[in-house]
Structure formats: C-alpha cells, structure tokens
Amino acid sequence: MTPETRSRESPLAVYGAIAANVAVAATKFGVAAVTGSSAMLSEAIHSAVDTGNGLLLLWGVHSSRRPASAMHPFGHGRELYFWSLIVAVLIFGLGGGMSFYEGVRHLRHPQPLGDPFWNYVVLGAAMVFEGASFAVAWREFRKQARKQARNRPLWKALRMSKDPTTYTVVAEDGAALVGLVIAAIGIALAHVLGRPEIDGIASLLIGLLLAGVAVLLVREARGLLVGEGVQPATAAEIHAIARQHAEVLATGPVRSMYLGPAEALMTLDLQFRPDVPARRAAEVCEAVRDAVRARYPMLTEVHLGLMTTGGDAATGTSIAGDPLHSGPRHARPQATHLSYRQQRRGTRARAAHGRRRGSTPGSAGGS
C-alpha cells in the first residue's frame, strides 16, 4: 500500500489511554505520598509508564506513515512494531521492575498505612478512567476483528491482531484493571488485619502481572519484526485460488511478510502447462492477483512469477529451488523462473517488433 492510500485513521484507543493515564497517574502519586501505600505507589508508576508508552505508540504511528523511499521501497510500516517492542520492554523494566522493587522494600521495612479512605477514592476513580479507556480500546479492536477475523473467537482475533495500537492498549488497560483490584484487596487486608506487609505483597503481585503482560507483548512484537507471514490456512486458500485456473499446473510456496498493521507482502510462483501462451499466462496471473487481493485486502503487495518448464512438465517439476504444490503431491523442483511483470513486458516488446516488421506476432508461449 502506498503512502497516499495508507489508512490515516487516528489511533483513538491510544489517545483515550493517554488521557486516562495522565489523570490517574497524577492522582495516584499524590495519594501514595500522603498514605505511604506501596501498592498505590506501584499503581502510580504503572500509570506513568503507560502514559509514556502511549506517547511512544503515537510516535510509532507517525513514523510508520512516512512515504516510501529508495532506501525503504515498501515504506516504514514496520517501524510501529519496533516502537511497540520498546513499549513492552518499558512495561517489563519500569512497570514490573519498579513495582516488584517497591514490594520487596515494603516487605523488608513495613510501615503502617495512613488513612486508607483516599486510597479507596483514588482506586475507584482509577477504575472508572481505566475502564473507559479499556472500553474505547476494546471497541476499536472489535471493529477491526469484524473486518479481518472472519468469525474467529475474540481471544484468538486478539492473539492474531497485527495492530499494536489496539492490542497493546487492550493488554495495558486490562492489566491496569486487574492491578487496581489487587491493590484494593491488598490495602483493605493490610488495614483490617493491621499487617502492612500485605500491601507489599500486593505490590509484588502487580509487578509480576506487568512483567507477564510485557513478555506477551515482546513475543508479539518479535514475531512481527523478524518477518511474520500469513497464517497457514490463508496460504492454503491462496493456493486454492491459483489452482482454480485450468492453465496452472502447479504452485510454489506462499512467501509472505507483514509490512505494517494492514499491509503485507506476498510472492507466489505459478507453473503453467507447456501449451499455454505467455499472453494467456499473464492474464491468468492478473486474475489470480486480483482474486487474492479481493479476498485478502491486507495483501497490498502481491508478486507472481512464471516458471517455464525445463523438465517433465507432466510431473510438475521445476528448478526454481522450492517444492511445488500440485494437488496432494509435492513435485521435485526442475524449472526456470521468469518474473511475471518481466514476461508481460517481453511479450509486448516482441509484439511491437513484429508490427514494425509488418508481420503478425505469433503466440509468445506457443510451440
């Protein structure tokens, strides 16, 4: 997808999360200073880290929308994945690490809690803010899931989402709501039982929660950064689309890679029967490409190749270097590979040459 056609929708979920976290973090820090609650301080750190993470995601969105260049011919869409990885590392290091540290420090040197009233007030207000942010992120995610997931369960659609501006915010806000519940329980038990150590234990649990969420986000970002492709079921459907044409003898493996949240690159080699003219092969390639892009709009870069038979065509063999898929059988590679676009240009050039000589161009792929 070119920069001109790339979606410019604002990441509403990120804006909502930043607004909620700024308000909540300021309130939590103030109350933590008054009451001395370790769990409340951990939650304040968590909200501050989430605020910074939202700003980093916005920067990633801005950077990913830069136009393609000679050094980056496919654009900068994957830069968003880099910044989502940085966000995950910050959640682990600052959010989880500082919360765990505060918990250990409070366990080693427990201090009596002050009046817990304000803790409860802040926790209640924070649940409202975080709940509103989570609702916005969840609505945006479900909107995307309805377009792309095709009746998959929501949890599976979340796992397969390629947009960090939604799944990161959903994960952060979900962890924030769980952390607020842990903090509330820890403060209540510490106050009722007169055991300030329980407040430190709650801080430890919040740290472990954030670290666990961060590990999951790192896993997602890593897969996308190193070149994650389409799902095997999607590749199988692409093979089926190509083999619907009687002219196609075999298909090579689907090679794909996500270039951004809604952009992916795909290459596929097609082997045609020996009697198929080059012009007809080019038409079939065009039809296959259009059908694939209509079925999977995220495949914005679809490149098809032609393979000329260099061996026994009936067995679907070629020397392209990759196994071919011809129905249930995998053929041994033994053919040469031609670029689909180069082949079309070559056909047009030969036709033009024939017209200049006053002759009718013959079939490019006949004989």
Protein backbone atom coordinates (compact mmCIF):
# COMPACT_ATOMS: atom_id res chain seq x y z
CA MET A 1 0.00 0.00 0.00
CA THR A 2 1.37 3.37 -0.99
CA PRO A 3 1.59 6.25 1.46
CA GLU A 4 -1.20 8.01 -0.40
CA THR A 5 -3.62 5.14 0.13
CA ARG A 6 -2.47 4.03 3.57
CA SER A 7 -5.13 4.44 6.25
CA ARG A 8 -4.91 7.72 8.13
CA GLU A 9 -7.37 6.87 10.86
CA SER A 10 -6.41 8.30 14.22
CA PRO A 11 -5.43 5.70 16.86
CA LEU A 12 -8.40 6.53 19.08
CA ALA A 13 -7.52 3.81 21.58
CA VAL A 14 -4.08 5.35 22.19
CA TYR A 15 -5.46 8.85 22.70
CA GLY A 16 -8.04 7.53 25.16
CA ALA A 17 -5.39 5.60 27.10
CA ILE A 18 -3.07 8.63 27.35
CA ALA A 19 -5.85 10.88 28.64
CA ALA A 20 -6.91 8.35 31.27
CA ASN A 21 -3.37 7.55 32.42
CA VAL A 22 -2.34 11.19 32.83
CA ALA A 23 -5.29 11.89 35.14
CA VAL A 24 -4.89 8.66 37.08
CA ALA A 25 -1.10 8.85 37.50
CA ALA A 26 -1.18 12.37 38.96
CA THR A 27 -3.86 11.37 41.47
CA LYS A 28 -2.15 8.12 42.46
CA PHE A 29 1.22 9.78 43.12
CA GLY A 30 -0.44 12.39 45.33
CA VAL A 31 -2.34 9.86 47.41
CA ALA A 32 0.65 7.48 47.63
CA ALA A 33 2.71 10.34 49.09
CA VAL A 34 0.02 11.05 51.71
CA THR A 35 -0.83 7.48 52.75
CA GLY A 36 2.53 5.75 52.20
CA SER A 37 0.92 2.79 50.39
CA SER A 38 3.39 0.68 48.44
CA ALA A 39 0.63 -0.82 46.29
CA MET A 40 -0.66 2.67 45.46
CA LEU A 41 2.86 3.81 44.52
CA SER A 42 3.21 0.76 42.27
CA GLU A 43 -0.06 1.65 40.58
CA ALA A 44 1.12 5.26 40.16
CA ILE A 45 4.33 4.03 38.49
CA HIS A 46 2.26 1.75 36.30
CA SER A 47 0.04 4.64 35.12
CA ALA A 48 3.07 6.88 34.47
CA VAL A 49 4.74 4.16 32.38
CA ASP A 50 1.51 3.62 30.45
CA THR A 51 1.37 7.34 29.68
CA GLY A 52 4.86 7.29 28.24
CA ASN A 53 4.08 4.12 26.33
CA GLY A 54 1.08 5.78 24.72
CA LEU A 55 3.27 8.65 23.54
CA LEU A 56 5.78 6.18 22.09
CA LEU A 57 3.00 4.36 20.22
CA LEU A 58 1.82 7.68 18.78
CA TRP A 59 5.36 8.37 17.60
CA GLY A 60 5.46 4.90 16.07
CA VAL A 61 2.21 5.57 14.20
CA HIS A 62 3.58 8.88 12.91
CA SER A 63 6.88 7.32 11.82
CA SER A 64 5.22 4.36 10.13
CA ARG A 65 3.24 6.69 7.86
CA ARG A 66 6.30 8.23 6.24
CA PRO A 67 6.32 7.74 2.46
CA ALA A 68 8.39 5.07 0.77
CA SER A 69 11.87 5.99 -0.39
CA ALA A 70 14.73 4.47 -2.37
CA MET A 71 16.16 3.01 0.85
CA HIS A 72 12.72 1.87 2.07
CA PRO A 73 10.77 0.90 -1.07
CA PHE A 74 7.99 -0.75 0.94
CA GLY A 75 7.54 2.19 3.30
CA HIS A 76 8.12 2.41 7.05
CA GLY A 77 5.11 0.46 8.31
CA ARG A 78 7.20 -1.93 10.42
CA GLU A 79 8.61 0.94 12.48
CA LEU A 80 5.40 0.74 14.51
CA TYR A 81 6.44 -2.79 15.52
CA PHE A 82 9.81 -1.51 16.72
CA TRP A 83 8.21 1.07 19.00
CA SER A 84 5.72 -1.48 20.29
CA LEU A 85 8.73 -3.61 21.28
CA ILE A 86 10.21 -0.64 23.17
CA VAL A 87 6.86 -0.18 24.92
CA ALA A 88 6.87 -3.83 26.01
CA VAL A 89 10.42 -3.51 27.36
CA LEU A 90 9.44 -0.41 29.34
CA ILE A 91 6.43 -2.18 30.82
CA PHE A 92 8.71 -5.00 31.93
CA GLY A 93 11.56 -2.85 33.22
CA LEU A 94 9.90 0.26 34.64
CA GLY A 95 6.40 -1.01 35.34
CA GLY A 96 7.07 -4.55 36.52
CA GLY A 97 10.59 -3.94 37.85
CA MET A 98 9.78 -0.86 39.93
CA SER A 99 6.58 -2.40 41.31
CA PHE A 100 8.49 -5.52 42.33
CA TYR A 101 11.21 -3.40 43.92
CA GLU A 102 8.66 -1.41 45.91
CA GLY A 103 7.06 -4.62 47.12
CA VAL A 104 10.37 -6.07 48.31
CA ARG A 105 11.29 -2.79 50.02
CA HIS A 106 7.95 -2.64 51.82
CA LEU A 107 8.26 -6.25 52.95
CA ARG A 108 11.73 -5.63 54.39
CA HIS A 109 10.76 -2.36 56.03
CA PRO A 110 6.99 -2.36 56.56
CA GLN A 111 5.42 0.93 57.56
CA PRO A 112 1.92 1.45 58.97
CA LEU A 113 -0.54 2.77 56.43
CA GLY A 114 -2.26 6.10 56.89
CA ASP A 115 -5.96 6.70 56.46
CA PRO A 116 -6.99 4.33 53.62
CA PHE A 117 -10.02 6.44 52.70
CA TRP A 118 -8.23 8.35 49.95
CA ASN A 119 -6.73 5.14 48.64
CA TYR A 120 -10.20 3.77 48.06
CA VAL A 121 -11.37 7.02 46.46
CA VAL A 122 -8.44 7.03 44.02
CA LEU A 123 -8.80 3.35 43.24
CA GLY A 124 -12.48 3.84 42.48
CA ALA A 125 -11.80 6.85 40.24
CA ALA A 126 -8.95 4.99 38.54
CA MET A 127 -11.24 2.06 37.75
CA VAL A 128 -13.66 4.46 36.08
CA PHE A 129 -10.92 6.08 33.96
CA GLU A 130 -9.18 2.82 33.10
CA GLY A 131 -12.50 1.14 32.39
CA ALA A 132 -13.43 3.92 29.96
CA SER A 133 -10.05 3.63 28.22
CA PHE A 134 -10.39 -0.15 28.04
CA ALA A 135 -13.90 0.19 26.57
CA VAL A 136 -12.60 2.50 23.82
CA ALA A 137 -9.69 0.16 23.00
CA TRP A 138 -11.94 -2.90 23.06
CA ARG A 139 -14.47 -1.26 20.73
CA GLU A 140 -11.70 -0.36 18.27
CA PHE A 141 -10.35 -3.89 18.44
CA ARG A 142 -13.75 -5.48 17.83
CA LYS A 143 -14.27 -3.17 14.87
CA GLN A 144 -11.04 -4.47 13.34
CA ALA A 145 -11.84 -8.06 14.29
CA ARG A 146 -15.16 -7.95 12.45
CA LYS A 147 -13.34 -6.81 9.30
CA GLN A 148 -10.43 -9.24 9.45
CA ALA A 149 -11.03 -12.14 11.84
CA ARG A 150 -13.94 -13.74 9.92
CA ASN A 151 -15.88 -15.29 12.82
CA ARG A 152 -12.83 -16.19 14.89
CA PRO A 153 -13.27 -16.07 18.68
CA LEU A 154 -12.31 -12.67 20.08
CA TRP A 155 -9.43 -14.07 22.13
CA LYS A 156 -7.96 -15.67 19.01
CA ALA A 157 -8.52 -12.50 16.99
CA LEU A 158 -6.64 -10.57 19.70
CA ARG A 159 -3.77 -13.03 19.50
CA MET A 160 -3.63 -12.73 15.70
CA SER A 161 -4.03 -8.95 15.54
CA LYS A 162 -1.17 -7.13 13.80
CA ASP A 163 -2.03 -3.63 15.06
CA PRO A 164 -0.05 -2.67 18.21
CA THR A 165 -2.17 0.46 18.73
CA THR A 166 -5.10 -1.78 19.69
CA TYR A 167 -3.73 -4.99 21.20
CA THR A 168 -1.11 -3.16 23.28
CA VAL A 169 -3.67 -0.76 24.74
CA VAL A 170 -6.12 -3.60 25.38
CA ALA A 171 -3.40 -5.55 27.21
CA GLU A 172 -2.21 -2.50 29.20
CA ASP A 173 -5.68 -1.41 30.26
CA GLY A 174 -6.69 -4.97 31.08
CA ALA A 175 -3.60 -5.33 33.28
CA ALA A 176 -4.35 -1.95 34.86
CA LEU A 177 -7.85 -3.03 35.87
CA VAL A 178 -6.57 -6.28 37.36
CA GLY A 179 -3.79 -4.36 39.13
CA LEU A 180 -6.31 -1.97 40.65
CA VAL A 181 -8.27 -4.89 42.05
CA ILE A 182 -5.07 -6.38 43.53
CA ALA A 183 -4.12 -3.02 45.05
CA ALA A 184 -7.58 -2.55 46.57
CA ILE A 185 -7.55 -6.03 48.13
CA GLY A 186 -4.01 -5.56 49.45
CA ILE A 187 -4.77 -2.17 51.03
CA ALA A 188 -8.02 -3.43 52.56
CA LEU A 189 -6.42 -6.55 54.08
CA ALA A 190 -3.42 -4.58 55.35
CA HIS A 191 -5.74 -2.08 57.05
CA VAL A 192 -8.22 -4.59 58.50
CA LEU A 193 -5.59 -7.08 59.72
CA GLY A 194 -3.05 -4.48 60.73
CA ARG A 195 -0.39 -6.17 58.59
CA PRO A 196 1.33 -3.63 56.32
CA GLU A 197 3.33 -6.48 54.76
CA ILE A 198 0.23 -7.47 52.82
CA ASP A 199 0.42 -4.14 51.00
CA GLY A 200 3.96 -5.07 49.91
CA ILE A 201 2.75 -8.48 48.70
CA ALA A 202 0.12 -6.73 46.59
CA SER A 203 2.87 -4.63 45.04
CA LEU A 204 4.83 -7.79 44.21
CA LEU A 205 1.79 -9.31 42.51
CA ILE A 206 1.27 -6.15 40.46
CA GLY A 207 4.91 -6.31 39.35
CA LEU A 208 4.56 -9.95 38.30
CA LEU A 209 1.36 -9.11 36.43
CA LEU A 210 3.03 -6.32 34.46
CA ALA A 211 6.06 -8.48 33.71
CA GLY A 212 3.82 -11.25 32.36
CA VAL A 213 1.92 -8.84 30.09
CA ALA A 214 5.23 -7.38 28.89
CA VAL A 215 6.55 -10.84 27.94
CA LEU A 216 3.45 -11.49 25.82
CA LEU A 217 3.81 -8.12 24.08
CA VAL A 218 7.52 -8.75 23.42
CA ARG A 219 6.61 -12.08 21.85
CA GLU A 220 4.10 -10.41 19.52
CA ALA A 221 6.48 -7.60 18.53
CA ARG A 222 9.36 -10.02 17.96
CA GLY A 223 7.33 -12.19 15.59
CA LEU A 224 6.31 -9.18 13.51
CA LEU A 225 9.79 -7.63 13.46
CA VAL A 226 11.54 -10.78 12.24
CA GLY A 227 9.10 -11.18 9.34
CA GLU A 228 5.93 -12.99 10.41
CA GLY A 229 3.81 -14.08 7.46
CA VAL A 230 0.20 -15.04 6.85
CA GLN A 231 -1.40 -17.98 8.60
CA PRO A 232 -1.11 -21.47 7.03
CA ALA A 233 -4.87 -21.51 6.40
CA THR A 234 -4.55 -18.27 4.43
CA ALA A 235 -1.69 -19.70 2.37
CA ALA A 236 -3.79 -22.79 1.62
CA GLU A 237 -6.66 -20.62 0.37
CA ILE A 238 -4.26 -18.69 -1.87
CA HIS A 239 -3.05 -21.97 -3.39
CA ALA A 240 -6.68 -22.95 -3.99
CA ILE A 241 -7.40 -19.61 -5.71
CA ALA A 242 -4.47 -20.13 -8.09
CA ARG A 243 -5.34 -23.76 -8.86
CA GLN A 244 -8.89 -22.82 -9.86
CA HIS A 245 -7.43 -21.96 -13.26
CA ALA A 246 -7.01 -24.96 -15.54
CA GLU A 247 -3.89 -23.42 -17.07
CA VAL A 248 -1.99 -23.66 -13.75
CA LEU A 249 -0.05 -26.90 -13.46
CA ALA A 250 1.48 -26.29 -10.01
CA THR A 251 2.11 -23.58 -7.45
CA GLY A 252 5.17 -22.79 -5.40
CA PRO A 253 5.14 -21.96 -1.68
CA VAL A 254 3.47 -18.77 -0.49
CA ARG A 255 6.11 -16.39 0.88
CA SER A 256 4.69 -13.51 2.84
CA MET A 257 5.65 -10.88 5.40
CA TYR A 258 3.72 -8.18 7.22
CA LEU A 259 4.87 -4.66 6.36
CA GLY A 260 2.51 -2.94 8.79
CA PRO A 261 -0.75 -3.43 10.70
CA ALA A 262 -2.81 -3.67 7.48
CA GLU A 263 -0.08 -4.26 4.88
CA ALA A 264 1.57 -7.49 3.82
CA LEU A 265 3.86 -8.64 1.01
CA MET A 266 3.26 -11.94 -0.78
CA THR A 267 5.11 -13.76 -3.55
CA LEU A 268 3.94 -16.90 -5.33
CA ASP A 269 5.35 -18.84 -8.29
CA LEU A 270 2.98 -20.41 -10.82
CA GLN A 271 3.88 -23.17 -13.27
CA PHE A 272 1.72 -23.35 -16.40
CA ARG A 273 1.09 -26.14 -18.86
CA PRO A 274 3.59 -26.11 -21.77
CA ASP A 275 0.87 -25.28 -24.31
CA VAL A 276 -0.27 -22.09 -22.52
CA PRO A 277 0.73 -18.93 -24.44
CA ALA A 278 2.61 -16.27 -22.48
CA ARG A 279 -0.16 -13.74 -23.05
CA ARG A 280 -2.73 -16.10 -21.57
CA ALA A 281 -0.38 -16.86 -18.67
CA ALA A 282 -0.10 -13.14 -17.96
CA GLU A 283 -3.90 -12.83 -17.98
CA VAL A 284 -4.21 -15.70 -15.51
CA CYS A 285 -1.58 -14.11 -13.27
CA GLU A 286 -3.56 -10.87 -13.34
CA ALA A 287 -6.76 -12.71 -12.45
CA VAL A 288 -5.09 -14.59 -9.60
CA ARG A 289 -3.59 -11.41 -8.20
CA ASP A 290 -6.94 -9.59 -8.31
CA ALA A 291 -8.72 -12.52 -6.65
CA VAL A 292 -6.12 -12.78 -3.89
CA ARG A 293 -6.23 -9.05 -3.14
CA ALA A 294 -10.04 -9.07 -3.14
CA ARG A 295 -10.09 -11.99 -0.68
CA TYR A 296 -7.28 -10.61 1.50
CA PRO A 297 -7.13 -6.80 1.33
CA MET A 298 -4.12 -6.70 3.69
CA LEU A 299 -2.01 -8.27 0.90
CA THR A 300 -1.14 -4.90 -0.60
CA GLU A 301 1.98 -6.19 -2.41
CA VAL A 302 1.25 -9.30 -4.47
CA HIS A 303 4.05 -10.51 -6.77
CA LEU A 304 3.53 -13.54 -9.01
CA GLY A 305 6.17 -15.38 -11.00
CA LEU A 306 6.04 -17.61 -14.07
CA MET A 307 8.08 -20.81 -14.29
CA THR A 308 8.94 -22.21 -17.71
CA THR A 309 9.18 -25.96 -17.91
CA GLY A 310 12.71 -27.28 -18.06
CA GLY A 311 11.96 -30.90 -17.39
CA ASP A 312 8.99 -33.22 -17.34
CA ALA A 313 6.04 -30.79 -17.26
CA ALA A 314 3.55 -33.52 -16.64
CA THR A 315 5.05 -34.22 -13.24
CA GLY A 316 5.05 -30.54 -12.29
CA THR A 317 8.81 -30.32 -11.92
CA SER A 318 11.00 -27.22 -11.95
CA ILE A 319 14.41 -25.95 -10.90
CA ALA A 320 13.11 -22.93 -9.02
CA GLY A 321 14.62 -24.34 -5.85
CA ASP A 322 11.37 -24.84 -3.95
CA PRO A 323 8.87 -27.69 -3.76
CA LEU A 324 5.72 -27.13 -5.79
CA HIS A 325 2.17 -27.88 -4.74
CA SER A 326 0.22 -29.79 -7.37
CA GLY A 327 -2.86 -31.13 -5.67
CA PRO A 328 -1.90 -33.64 -2.97
CA ARG A 329 1.54 -34.28 -4.47
CA HIS A 330 4.75 -32.27 -3.94
CA ALA A 331 6.86 -32.23 -7.07
CA ARG A 332 10.63 -32.06 -7.29
CA PRO A 333 11.93 -28.66 -8.45
CA GLN A 334 13.31 -28.58 -12.03
CA ALA A 335 12.28 -25.42 -14.00
CA THR A 336 13.46 -21.90 -14.58
CA HIS A 337 11.74 -18.86 -13.15
CA LEU A 338 10.56 -15.78 -15.03
CA SER A 339 9.18 -12.64 -13.48
CA TYR A 340 5.52 -12.18 -14.31
CA ARG A 341 5.96 -8.47 -14.93
CA GLN A 342 9.11 -9.03 -16.99
CA GLN A 343 7.30 -11.65 -19.05
CA ARG A 344 4.47 -9.26 -19.86
CA ARG A 345 6.90 -6.54 -20.89
CA GLY A 346 8.78 -9.04 -23.07
CA THR A 347 5.55 -10.10 -24.78
CA ARG A 348 4.62 -6.52 -25.58
CA ALA A 349 8.14 -5.82 -26.90
CA ARG A 350 8.03 -8.82 -29.26
CA ALA A 351 4.56 -7.85 -30.47
CA ALA A 352 5.74 -4.29 -31.20
CA HIS A 353 8.79 -5.61 -33.05
CA GLY A 354 6.57 -7.82 -35.18
CA ARG A 355 4.33 -4.91 -36.12
CA ARG A 356 7.33 -2.82 -37.17
CA ARG A 357 8.38 -5.65 -39.49
CA GLY A 358 4.86 -5.81 -40.93
CA SER A 359 4.16 -9.29 -39.64
CA THR A 360 1.55 -10.62 -37.25
CA PRO A 361 3.11 -11.57 -33.91
CA GLY A 362 2.66 -15.18 -33.06
CA SER A 363 1.81 -16.67 -29.75
CA ALA A 364 4.59 -15.87 -27.25
CA GLY A 365 4.33 -19.13 -25.45
CA GLY A 366 3.32 -21.50 -28.26
CA SER A 367 5.29 -24.43 -29.66
